[in-house]
Every structure is written in C-alpha cells, then in structure tokens.
C-alpha cells in the first residue's frame, strides 16, 4: 500500500472519530432531541405525553450554593482537573467531578411545572453551560478564592517541590430565575400543600420512564429554537 493511500486512510479515520465525538456528545444529543419535542405552556401539557417547557427556574426549598461562585441555584455541576505528563504526552486528569441538585419549579408565565431529578436510579440527562472557570500553573498562582476551593476538596495546589500544579476548574449552574428548558413525560399531581400565588389544586410535572429520561439544560440555543 502506497504512502499517500495510508495517509488518506489515517486522515479519514481521524475525521470520522472527530465527527462522531462531536455529533454524539451529550450537548449535541440533547440539542437534537429537544428540537423534536414541541414546546408547551404548563396548562397545555397532556398526561403521558412527551413534552418540553421553557421558563424560569425557581426553588422549592432553600437553594443550593455553588462551590466557587457562591451563587444560589437549584442545580450545579463542577469539575476540577490536573494536567499530568506521562513520558512525551500529557492529559487532563479528573480530580473532582461533582453534581448536586434539588427539586425545582419551572415557571412559564403564571404557571408552574415541578421537576424532581434523582440520582438512584438516575432519571435525568443534563447539560449546563460552564460559565465560571479558574486555573493555576507554573507562572499562575491560584487566587485566594480558588485556593480555598481546592482546600475544601483536599487538593494541594503545589507539588512536593513547591511548584504550582496545573489545575483548572469549571462550574455550571441553574441559577434562581434563570431561563431553562426541561423535557419529560407529563403528569398531573394533586398538591398536598398550596403554593403561594398559585390558585390551582393540581400541578404539572415532567417525569421519566424506563425509556425516557428527564432532559434538563440551560443552553441558549435550545431556548431560541423553542417552538
């Protein structure tokens, strides 16, 4: 086999890998899936129908606090990574990957939908925009806030010899009042206690099934393409 053919095959295989990595990423799978689901106001949701709603996220109970930005939220995802070298190559090693959430409302105008994600068994798929980041390295000391965060997770920012480790942090949240999109199987529940400024005895919820997980995202392109 000639060298040009070998190069062409290698480039083709590489291109396929890159395309598949992009096309089948969680972010793009969520975007494509949500594009196929009709967007509805809460009052129009039909029982057992796959639906999506877009509106403001509101807390049901005391909100969570994001680890670095200290923002009040109902959902956050963080990741802390360290650059490690193995011979001639280097890569990012995940040190901490944390995801926390609570049940929350999605408000569409004056209507509410309640969302109850759970971990065991996991009933949701979520992609959040990572809008806060920090980093440190050889010539980049960690800020006091970043260093405090690292200590919270028992991560030493320096090597044995006193040099800064190459570390990076990313954080995404669903803030109180942030516009989000959620999809799932619609159900109607009777309220055990009234919700302030909500005059109805039943509330819609979006739930999961064995074949359909709840989908949660704050991607702006999803909100812009709602229909």
C-alpha atoms as a PDB file:
ATOM      1  CA  UNK A   1       0.000   0.000   0.000  1.00  0.00           C
ATOM      2  CA  UNK A   2       1.464   3.337  -1.034  1.00  0.00           C
ATOM      3  CA  UNK A   3       2.234   6.093   1.445  1.00  0.00           C
ATOM      4  CA  UNK A   4      -0.394   8.565   0.055  1.00  0.00           C
ATOM      5  CA  UNK A   5      -3.125   5.927   0.465  1.00  0.00           C
ATOM      6  CA  UNK A   6      -2.033   5.217   4.042  1.00  0.00           C
ATOM      7  CA  UNK A   7      -2.088   8.936   4.836  1.00  0.00           C
ATOM      8  CA  UNK A   8      -5.552   9.270   3.274  1.00  0.00           C
ATOM      9  CA  UNK A   9      -6.875   6.348   5.347  1.00  0.00           C
ATOM     10  CA  UNK A  10      -5.394   7.778   8.549  1.00  0.00           C
ATOM     11  CA  UNK A  11      -6.909  11.205   7.860  1.00  0.00           C
ATOM     12  CA  UNK A  12     -10.283   9.651   7.047  1.00  0.00           C
ATOM     13  CA  UNK A  13     -10.332   7.609  10.255  1.00  0.00           C
ATOM     14  CA  UNK A  14      -9.281  10.658  12.260  1.00  0.00           C
ATOM     15  CA  UNK A  15     -12.043  12.727  10.647  1.00  0.00           C
ATOM     16  CA  UNK A  16     -14.655  10.081  11.457  1.00  0.00           C
ATOM     17  CA  UNK A  17     -13.523   9.965  15.098  1.00  0.00           C
ATOM     18  CA  UNK A  18     -13.687  13.757  15.419  1.00  0.00           C
ATOM     19  CA  UNK A  19     -17.138  13.891  13.781  1.00  0.00           C
ATOM     20  CA  UNK A  20     -18.537  11.101  15.971  1.00  0.00           C
ATOM     21  CA  UNK A  21     -17.101  12.721  19.105  1.00  0.00           C
ATOM     22  CA  UNK A  22     -18.854  15.986  18.220  1.00  0.00           C
ATOM     23  CA  UNK A  23     -22.113  14.548  16.875  1.00  0.00           C
ATOM     24  CA  UNK A  24     -22.675  12.126  19.750  1.00  0.00           C
ATOM     25  CA  UNK A  25     -21.559  14.463  22.561  1.00  0.00           C
ATOM     26  CA  UNK A  26     -24.131  14.870  25.345  1.00  0.00           C
ATOM     27  CA  UNK A  27     -24.617  18.534  24.420  1.00  0.00           C
ATOM     28  CA  UNK A  28     -25.472  17.856  20.776  1.00  0.00           C
ATOM     29  CA  UNK A  29     -27.605  14.811  21.545  1.00  0.00           C
ATOM     30  CA  UNK A  30     -29.670  16.981  23.914  1.00  0.00           C
ATOM     31  CA  UNK A  31     -29.987  19.776  21.328  1.00  0.00           C
ATOM     32  CA  UNK A  32     -31.187  17.361  18.616  1.00  0.00           C
ATOM     33  CA  UNK A  33     -33.568  15.556  20.961  1.00  0.00           C
ATOM     34  CA  UNK A  34     -35.196  18.736  22.272  1.00  0.00           C
ATOM     35  CA  UNK A  35     -35.603  20.131  18.740  1.00  0.00           C
ATOM     36  CA  UNK A  36     -38.028  17.275  18.018  1.00  0.00           C
ATOM     37  CA  UNK A  37     -40.240  17.849  21.077  1.00  0.00           C
ATOM     38  CA  UNK A  38     -42.989  20.509  20.956  1.00  0.00           C
ATOM     39  CA  UNK A  39     -42.735  23.313  23.498  1.00  0.00           C
ATOM     40  CA  UNK A  40     -45.908  23.894  25.545  1.00  0.00           C
ATOM     41  CA  UNK A  41     -47.166  26.102  28.360  1.00  0.00           C
ATOM     42  CA  UNK A  42     -47.801  24.226  31.584  1.00  0.00           C
ATOM     43  CA  UNK A  43     -51.591  24.388  31.247  1.00  0.00           C
ATOM     44  CA  UNK A  44     -51.469  22.611  27.863  1.00  0.00           C
ATOM     45  CA  UNK A  45     -49.488  19.575  28.997  1.00  0.00           C
ATOM     46  CA  UNK A  46     -51.263  16.264  28.383  1.00  0.00           C
ATOM     47  CA  UNK A  47     -50.834  13.286  30.679  1.00  0.00           C
ATOM     48  CA  UNK A  48     -48.293  10.703  29.474  1.00  0.00           C
ATOM     49  CA  UNK A  49     -47.200  12.880  26.522  1.00  0.00           C
ATOM     50  CA  UNK A  50     -43.509  13.657  25.921  1.00  0.00           C
ATOM     51  CA  UNK A  51     -43.343  17.441  26.220  1.00  0.00           C
ATOM     52  CA  UNK A  52     -40.937  20.260  26.970  1.00  0.00           C
ATOM     53  CA  UNK A  53     -41.314  23.596  28.717  1.00  0.00           C
ATOM     54  CA  UNK A  54     -39.104  26.670  28.756  1.00  0.00           C
ATOM     55  CA  UNK A  55     -39.244  29.099  31.646  1.00  0.00           C
ATOM     56  CA  UNK A  56     -37.596  30.415  34.799  1.00  0.00           C
ATOM     57  CA  UNK A  57     -36.112  28.036  37.351  1.00  0.00           C
ATOM     58  CA  UNK A  58     -37.421  28.615  40.875  1.00  0.00           C
ATOM     59  CA  UNK A  59     -36.509  26.885  44.123  1.00  0.00           C
ATOM     60  CA  UNK A  60     -38.935  24.742  46.091  1.00  0.00           C
ATOM     61  CA  UNK A  61     -36.859  24.878  49.297  1.00  0.00           C
ATOM     62  CA  UNK A  62     -33.654  26.574  50.467  1.00  0.00           C
ATOM     63  CA  UNK A  63     -31.454  26.810  47.327  1.00  0.00           C
ATOM     64  CA  UNK A  64     -28.052  25.209  46.901  1.00  0.00           C
ATOM     65  CA  UNK A  65     -24.890  27.346  46.834  1.00  0.00           C
ATOM     66  CA  UNK A  66     -22.380  26.865  44.015  1.00  0.00           C
ATOM     67  CA  UNK A  67     -18.932  25.941  45.430  1.00  0.00           C
ATOM     68  CA  UNK A  68     -16.815  28.660  43.773  1.00  0.00           C
ATOM     69  CA  UNK A  69     -19.124  31.458  42.644  1.00  0.00           C
ATOM     70  CA  UNK A  70     -21.341  31.207  45.758  1.00  0.00           C
ATOM     71  CA  UNK A  71     -24.416  31.708  43.552  1.00  0.00           C
ATOM     72  CA  UNK A  72     -27.794  30.461  44.716  1.00  0.00           C
ATOM     73  CA  UNK A  73     -29.022  27.681  42.461  1.00  0.00           C
ATOM     74  CA  UNK A  74     -31.119  24.508  42.153  1.00  0.00           C
ATOM     75  CA  UNK A  75     -28.506  22.524  40.219  1.00  0.00           C
ATOM     76  CA  UNK A  76     -24.743  22.718  39.780  1.00  0.00           C
ATOM     77  CA  UNK A  77     -22.007  20.773  38.021  1.00  0.00           C
ATOM     78  CA  UNK A  78     -18.307  21.265  38.755  1.00  0.00           C
ATOM     79  CA  UNK A  79     -15.103  19.623  37.597  1.00  0.00           C
ATOM     80  CA  UNK A  80     -11.515  20.039  38.834  1.00  0.00           C
ATOM     81  CA  UNK A  81      -8.741  18.660  36.636  1.00  0.00           C
ATOM     82  CA  UNK A  82      -4.946  18.442  36.793  1.00  0.00           C
ATOM     83  CA  UNK A  83      -2.558  18.385  33.834  1.00  0.00           C
ATOM     84  CA  UNK A  84      -0.369  15.298  34.145  1.00  0.00           C
ATOM     85  CA  UNK A  85       2.523  14.189  31.959  1.00  0.00           C
ATOM     86  CA  UNK A  86       3.346  10.605  31.041  1.00  0.00           C
ATOM     87  CA  UNK A  87       6.557  10.486  29.040  1.00  0.00           C
ATOM     88  CA  UNK A  88       6.155  12.563  25.890  1.00  0.00           C
ATOM     89  CA  UNK A  89       2.403  13.138  26.222  1.00  0.00           C
ATOM     90  CA  UNK A  90       0.185  14.934  28.716  1.00  0.00           C
ATOM     91  CA  UNK A  91      -3.501  14.914  29.524  1.00  0.00           C
ATOM     92  CA  UNK A  92      -6.052  16.310  31.952  1.00  0.00           C
ATOM     93  CA  UNK A  93      -6.845  14.029  34.879  1.00  0.00           C
ATOM     94  CA  UNK A  94     -10.188  14.480  36.652  1.00  0.00           C
ATOM     95  CA  UNK A  95      -9.701  15.019  40.388  1.00  0.00           C
ATOM     96  CA  UNK A  96     -13.234  16.048  41.345  1.00  0.00           C
ATOM     97  CA  UNK A  97     -16.464  15.755  39.387  1.00  0.00           C
ATOM     98  CA  UNK A  98     -19.458  16.787  41.433  1.00  0.00           C
ATOM     99  CA  UNK A  99     -23.112  17.284  40.587  1.00  0.00           C
ATOM    100  CA  UNK A 100     -25.771  18.379  43.057  1.00  0.00           C
ATOM    101  CA  UNK A 101     -29.411  19.260  42.578  1.00  0.00           C
ATOM    102  CA  UNK A 102     -32.791  19.536  44.241  1.00  0.00           C
ATOM    103  CA  UNK A 103     -36.387  19.508  43.057  1.00  0.00           C
ATOM    104  CA  UNK A 104     -37.389  22.785  41.458  1.00  0.00           C
ATOM    105  CA  UNK A 105     -40.130  24.654  39.596  1.00  0.00           C
ATOM    106  CA  UNK A 106     -40.112  25.873  36.016  1.00  0.00           C
ATOM    107  CA  UNK A 107     -42.336  28.933  35.720  1.00  0.00           C
ATOM    108  CA  UNK A 108     -43.962  29.571  32.345  1.00  0.00           C
ATOM    109  CA  UNK A 109     -45.704  32.947  32.660  1.00  0.00           C
ATOM    110  CA  UNK A 110     -48.030  32.448  35.676  1.00  0.00           C
ATOM    111  CA  UNK A 111     -47.947  28.640  35.534  1.00  0.00           C
ATOM    112  CA  UNK A 112     -45.637  26.162  37.204  1.00  0.00           C
ATOM    113  CA  UNK A 113     -44.178  22.756  36.388  1.00  0.00           C
ATOM    114  CA  UNK A 114     -42.324  20.810  39.068  1.00  0.00           C
ATOM    115  CA  UNK A 115     -39.179  18.804  38.255  1.00  0.00           C
ATOM    116  CA  UNK A 116     -37.780  16.118  40.546  1.00  0.00           C
ATOM    117  CA  UNK A 117     -34.417  14.788  39.350  1.00  0.00           C
ATOM    118  CA  UNK A 118     -32.983  11.845  41.257  1.00  0.00           C
ATOM    119  CA  UNK A 119     -29.654  10.033  41.319  1.00  0.00           C
ATOM    120  CA  UNK A 120     -30.535   6.443  42.298  1.00  0.00           C
ATOM    121  CA  UNK A 121     -31.700   5.364  39.816  1.00  0.00           C
ATOM    122  CA  UNK A 122     -30.614   8.307  37.689  1.00  0.00           C
ATOM    123  CA  UNK A 123     -33.711   9.635  35.933  1.00  0.00           C
ATOM    124  CA  UNK A 124     -32.298  12.624  34.032  1.00  0.00           C
ATOM    125  CA  UNK A 125     -29.789  13.808  31.439  1.00  0.00           C
ATOM    126  CA  UNK A 126     -28.398  17.304  31.965  1.00  0.00           C
ATOM    127  CA  UNK A 127     -26.051  19.700  30.202  1.00  0.00           C
ATOM    128  CA  UNK A 128     -25.238  23.044  31.805  1.00  0.00           C
ATOM    129  CA  UNK A 129     -23.229  25.889  30.303  1.00  0.00           C
ATOM    130  CA  UNK A 130     -19.911  26.175  32.176  1.00  0.00           C
ATOM    131  CA  UNK A 131     -19.785  29.912  32.761  1.00  0.00           C
ATOM    132  CA  UNK A 132     -17.268  30.116  35.609  1.00  0.00           C
ATOM    133  CA  UNK A 133     -13.691  28.867  35.448  1.00  0.00           C
ATOM    134  CA  UNK A 134     -10.381  29.165  37.257  1.00  0.00           C
ATOM    135  CA  UNK A 135      -6.872  27.878  36.593  1.00  0.00           C
ATOM    136  CA  UNK A 136      -3.383  27.809  38.045  1.00  0.00           C
ATOM    137  CA  UNK A 137       0.040  26.778  36.778  1.00  0.00           C
ATOM    138  CA  UNK A 138       3.790  27.318  36.905  1.00  0.00           C
ATOM    139  CA  UNK A 139       3.533  31.089  36.429  1.00  0.00           C
ATOM    140  CA  UNK A 140      -0.083  31.468  37.513  1.00  0.00           C
ATOM    141  CA  UNK A 141      -0.756  31.355  41.245  1.00  0.00           C
ATOM    142  CA  UNK A 142      -4.260  30.288  42.270  1.00  0.00           C
ATOM    143  CA  UNK A 143      -6.418  33.156  43.521  1.00  0.00           C
ATOM    144  CA  UNK A 144      -7.295  33.074  47.229  1.00  0.00           C
ATOM    145  CA  UNK A 145     -10.831  32.014  46.290  1.00  0.00           C
ATOM    146  CA  UNK A 146      -9.554  29.179  44.081  1.00  0.00           C
ATOM    147  CA  UNK A 147      -7.062  28.050  46.706  1.00  0.00           C
ATOM    148  CA  UNK A 148      -9.833  27.991  49.313  1.00  0.00           C
ATOM    149  CA  UNK A 149     -11.949  25.853  46.991  1.00  0.00           C
ATOM    150  CA  UNK A 150      -9.073  23.420  46.401  1.00  0.00           C
ATOM    151  CA  UNK A 151      -8.553  23.030  50.141  1.00  0.00           C
ATOM    152  CA  UNK A 152     -12.273  22.325  50.540  1.00  0.00           C
ATOM    153  CA  UNK A 153     -11.761  19.284  48.304  1.00  0.00           C
ATOM    154  CA  UNK A 154      -8.417  18.365  49.930  1.00  0.00           C
ATOM    155  CA  UNK A 155      -6.401  19.270  46.829  1.00  0.00           C
ATOM    156  CA  UNK A 156      -2.902  20.673  47.411  1.00  0.00           C
ATOM    157  CA  UNK A 157      -2.248  23.391  44.791  1.00  0.00           C
ATOM    158  CA  UNK A 158       1.505  22.762  44.919  1.00  0.00           C
ATOM    159  CA  UNK A 159       3.793  19.844  44.150  1.00  0.00           C
ATOM    160  CA  UNK A 160       6.153  18.230  46.661  1.00  0.00           C
ATOM    161  CA  UNK A 161       8.867  20.647  45.478  1.00  0.00           C
ATOM    162  CA  UNK A 162       6.706  23.747  45.975  1.00  0.00           C
ATOM    163  CA  UNK A 163       5.757  24.407  42.339  1.00  0.00           C
ATOM    164  CA  UNK A 164       2.197  25.242  41.314  1.00  0.00           C
ATOM    165  CA  UNK A 165       0.261  22.338  39.865  1.00  0.00           C
ATOM    166  CA  UNK A 166      -1.503  22.908  36.554  1.00  0.00           C
ATOM    167  CA  UNK A 167      -5.117  22.877  37.701  1.00  0.00           C
ATOM    168  CA  UNK A 168      -8.362  24.046  36.161  1.00  0.00           C
ATOM    169  CA  UNK A 169     -11.917  24.378  37.421  1.00  0.00           C
ATOM    170  CA  UNK A 170     -15.229  24.701  35.560  1.00  0.00           C
ATOM    171  CA  UNK A 171     -18.662  25.388  37.016  1.00  0.00           C
ATOM    172  CA  UNK A 172     -22.154  25.409  35.538  1.00  0.00           C
ATOM    173  CA  UNK A 173     -25.360  26.104  37.431  1.00  0.00           C
ATOM    174  CA  UNK A 174     -29.097  26.614  37.121  1.00  0.00           C
ATOM    175  CA  UNK A 175     -29.459  29.902  38.956  1.00  0.00           C
ATOM    176  CA  UNK A 176     -32.662  31.081  40.582  1.00  0.00           C
ATOM    177  CA  UNK A 177     -34.649  32.877  37.879  1.00  0.00           C
ATOM    178  CA  UNK A 178     -32.509  31.547  35.007  1.00  0.00           C
ATOM    179  CA  UNK A 179     -34.266  30.510  31.799  1.00  0.00           C
ATOM    180  CA  UNK A 180     -34.014  26.768  31.215  1.00  0.00           C
ATOM    181  CA  UNK A 181     -35.652  24.063  29.114  1.00  0.00           C
ATOM    182  CA  UNK A 182     -36.865  20.758  30.540  1.00  0.00           C
ATOM    183  CA  UNK A 183     -38.460  17.807  28.757  1.00  0.00           C
ATOM    184  CA  UNK A 184     -40.118  14.670  30.072  1.00  0.00           C
ATOM    185  CA  UNK A 185     -43.346  12.710  30.322  1.00  0.00           C
ATOM    186  CA  UNK A 186     -46.145  14.985  31.524  1.00  0.00           C
ATOM    187  CA  UNK A 187     -48.151  14.078  34.634  1.00  0.00           C
ATOM    188  CA  UNK A 188     -50.595  15.993  36.806  1.00  0.00           C
ATOM    189  CA  UNK A 189     -50.310  15.801  40.608  1.00  0.00           C
ATOM    190  CA  UNK A 190     -52.640  16.914  43.369  1.00  0.00           C
ATOM    191  CA  UNK A 191     -50.961  19.402  45.699  1.00  0.00           C
ATOM    192  CA  UNK A 192     -50.689  18.331  49.319  1.00  0.00           C
ATOM    193  CA  UNK A 193     -49.985  21.968  50.279  1.00  0.00           C
ATOM    194  CA  UNK A 194     -50.872  25.170  48.404  1.00  0.00           C
ATOM    195  CA  UNK A 195     -48.181  27.111  46.542  1.00  0.00           C
ATOM    196  CA  UNK A 196     -48.167  30.892  47.156  1.00  0.00           C
ATOM    197  CA  UNK A 197     -49.704  32.821  44.226  1.00  0.00           C
ATOM    198  CA  UNK A 198     -50.715  29.519  42.559  1.00  0.00           C
ATOM    199  CA  UNK A 199     -54.528  29.194  42.786  1.00  0.00           C
ATOM    200  CA  UNK A 200     -54.835  25.615  41.497  1.00  0.00           C
ATOM    201  CA  UNK A 201     -55.120  22.302  43.354  1.00  0.00           C
ATOM    202  CA  UNK A 202     -53.061  20.362  40.765  1.00  0.00           C
ATOM    203  CA  UNK A 203     -49.641  20.954  39.268  1.00  0.00           C
ATOM    204  CA  UNK A 204     -47.927  19.563  36.192  1.00  0.00           C
ATOM    205  CA  UNK A 205     -44.710  17.591  36.466  1.00  0.00           C
ATOM    206  CA  UNK A 206     -42.300  16.219  33.877  1.00  0.00           C
ATOM    207  CA  UNK A 207     -41.123  12.739  34.768  1.00  0.00           C
ATOM    208  CA  UNK A 208     -39.013   9.888  33.430  1.00  0.00           C
ATOM    209  CA  UNK A 209     -39.873   6.380  32.266  1.00  0.00           C
ATOM    210  CA  UNK A 210     -37.731   3.312  31.631  1.00  0.00           C
ATOM    211  CA  UNK A 211     -37.127   4.549  28.070  1.00  0.00           C
ATOM    212  CA  UNK A 212     -37.259   8.338  28.518  1.00  0.00           C
ATOM    213  CA  UNK A 213     -35.171  10.363  30.946  1.00  0.00           C
ATOM    214  CA  UNK A 214     -35.923  13.916  32.026  1.00  0.00           C
ATOM    215  CA  UNK A 215     -33.804  16.308  29.929  1.00  0.00           C
ATOM    216  CA  UNK A 216     -32.530  19.478  31.601  1.00  0.00           C
ATOM    217  CA  UNK A 217     -30.452  22.269  30.045  1.00  0.00           C
ATOM    218  CA  UNK A 218     -29.751  25.993  30.102  1.00  0.00           C
ATOM    219  CA  UNK A 219     -28.263  26.068  26.589  1.00  0.00           C
ATOM    220  CA  UNK A 220     -29.299  29.404  24.962  1.00  0.00           C
ATOM    221  CA  UNK A 221     -29.617  27.825  21.510  1.00  0.00           C
ATOM    222  CA  UNK A 222     -32.312  25.488  22.839  1.00  0.00           C
ATOM    223  CA  UNK A 223     -34.388  28.388  24.199  1.00  0.00           C
ATOM    224  CA  UNK A 224     -34.032  30.352  20.944  1.00  0.00           C
ATOM    225  CA  UNK A 225     -35.251  27.386  18.912  1.00  0.00           C
ATOM    226  CA  UNK A 226     -38.309  26.652  21.052  1.00  0.00           C
ATOM    227  CA  UNK A 227     -41.481  26.067  19.090  1.00  0.00           C
END
